[in-house]
Amino acid sequence: MTNVKNIKNEIVSLLVNNYGIDNENLTNGVTFQQLGIDSIVILDIHFDIEQKFEIDIPEGDINVQQNLTDLVCYLENRNK
């Protein structure tokens, strides 16, 4: 995996391109639920992230109550 900025850029790109999330709405404090992402879509995002970063993520580690910062930090910590 790469550094925090690259991880964030990859996640933003995934959310914008694959899920139609407006880039301007991806501020650090907005939860995925507030972005209109439900529990079904978060599973799709979970699998997309696993494929993109070639990692296994335990079920439930990514959820709708998290935000972009939470997800980036989680992925960065997995890289350590």
Protein backbone atom coordinates (compact mmCIF):
# COMPACT_ATOMS: atom_id res chain seq x y z
CA MET A 1 0.00 0.00 0.00
CA THR A 2 0.98 3.61 -0.24
CA ASN A 3 0.97 6.74 1.89
CA VAL A 4 -2.07 8.42 3.44
CA LYS A 5 -2.52 10.96 0.63
CA ASN A 6 -2.46 8.25 -2.02
CA ILE A 7 -4.85 6.07 -0.04
CA LYS A 8 -7.25 8.99 0.32
CA ASN A 9 -7.03 9.81 -3.39
CA GLU A 10 -7.73 6.17 -4.31
CA ILE A 11 -10.76 5.99 -2.00
CA VAL A 12 -12.14 9.32 -3.24
CA SER A 13 -11.70 8.16 -6.84
CA LEU A 14 -13.49 4.90 -6.09
CA LEU A 15 -16.43 6.63 -4.38
CA VAL A 16 -16.78 9.30 -7.07
CA ASN A 17 -16.36 7.04 -10.10
CA ASN A 18 -18.09 3.86 -8.91
CA TYR A 19 -20.79 5.21 -6.60
CA GLY A 20 -21.57 8.67 -7.92
CA ILE A 21 -20.63 10.47 -4.71
CA ASP A 22 -19.99 14.17 -5.28
CA ASN A 23 -16.34 14.92 -4.53
CA GLU A 24 -17.35 18.12 -2.71
CA ASN A 25 -19.39 16.05 -0.24
CA LEU A 26 -16.41 13.93 0.73
CA THR A 27 -15.30 16.10 3.60
CA ASN A 28 -13.53 14.35 6.43
CA GLY A 29 -16.38 14.47 8.96
CA VAL A 30 -19.29 13.32 6.80
CA THR A 31 -20.22 9.70 7.44
CA PHE A 32 -20.94 7.29 4.64
CA GLN A 33 -24.52 7.11 5.88
CA GLN A 34 -24.85 10.89 5.54
CA LEU A 35 -23.65 10.48 1.95
CA GLY A 36 -26.58 8.15 1.28
CA ILE A 37 -24.54 4.95 1.44
CA ASP A 38 -26.48 2.12 3.06
CA SER A 39 -25.32 -1.19 4.52
CA ILE A 40 -25.67 -2.99 1.18
CA VAL A 41 -23.59 -0.44 -0.72
CA ILE A 42 -20.95 -0.39 2.01
CA LEU A 43 -20.44 -4.12 1.36
CA ASP A 44 -19.78 -3.37 -2.31
CA ILE A 45 -17.32 -0.64 -1.28
CA HIS A 46 -15.71 -3.10 1.14
CA PHE A 47 -15.11 -5.61 -1.67
CA ASP A 48 -13.88 -2.90 -4.07
CA ILE A 49 -11.34 -1.74 -1.49
CA GLU A 50 -10.16 -5.31 -0.90
CA GLN A 51 -9.56 -5.71 -4.62
CA LYS A 52 -7.95 -2.31 -5.13
CA PHE A 53 -5.50 -2.66 -2.25
CA GLU A 54 -5.17 -6.46 -2.47
CA ILE A 55 -5.99 -7.01 1.19
CA ASP A 56 -8.53 -8.96 3.22
CA ILE A 57 -10.74 -6.86 5.47
CA PRO A 58 -12.76 -8.60 8.20
CA GLU A 59 -16.51 -8.23 7.79
CA GLY A 60 -17.82 -5.24 9.72
CA ASP A 61 -14.53 -3.33 9.78
CA ILE A 62 -15.97 -0.89 7.25
CA ASN A 63 -19.43 0.47 8.11
CA VAL A 64 -21.81 3.33 7.30
CA GLN A 65 -21.02 5.17 10.54
CA GLN A 66 -17.44 5.74 9.43
CA ASN A 67 -16.22 8.64 7.36
CA LEU A 68 -13.45 9.13 4.82
CA THR A 69 -10.85 9.90 7.49
CA ASP A 70 -11.80 6.77 9.47
CA LEU A 71 -11.42 4.61 6.39
CA VAL A 72 -8.09 6.12 5.34
CA CYS A 73 -6.70 5.70 8.87
CA TYR A 74 -7.92 2.12 9.01
CA LEU A 75 -6.21 1.28 5.70
CA GLU A 76 -3.02 3.09 6.70
CA ASN A 77 -2.88 1.14 9.99
CA ARG A 78 -3.32 -2.14 8.09
CA ASN A 79 -0.20 -1.21 6.13
CA LYS A 80 1.98 -1.02 9.25
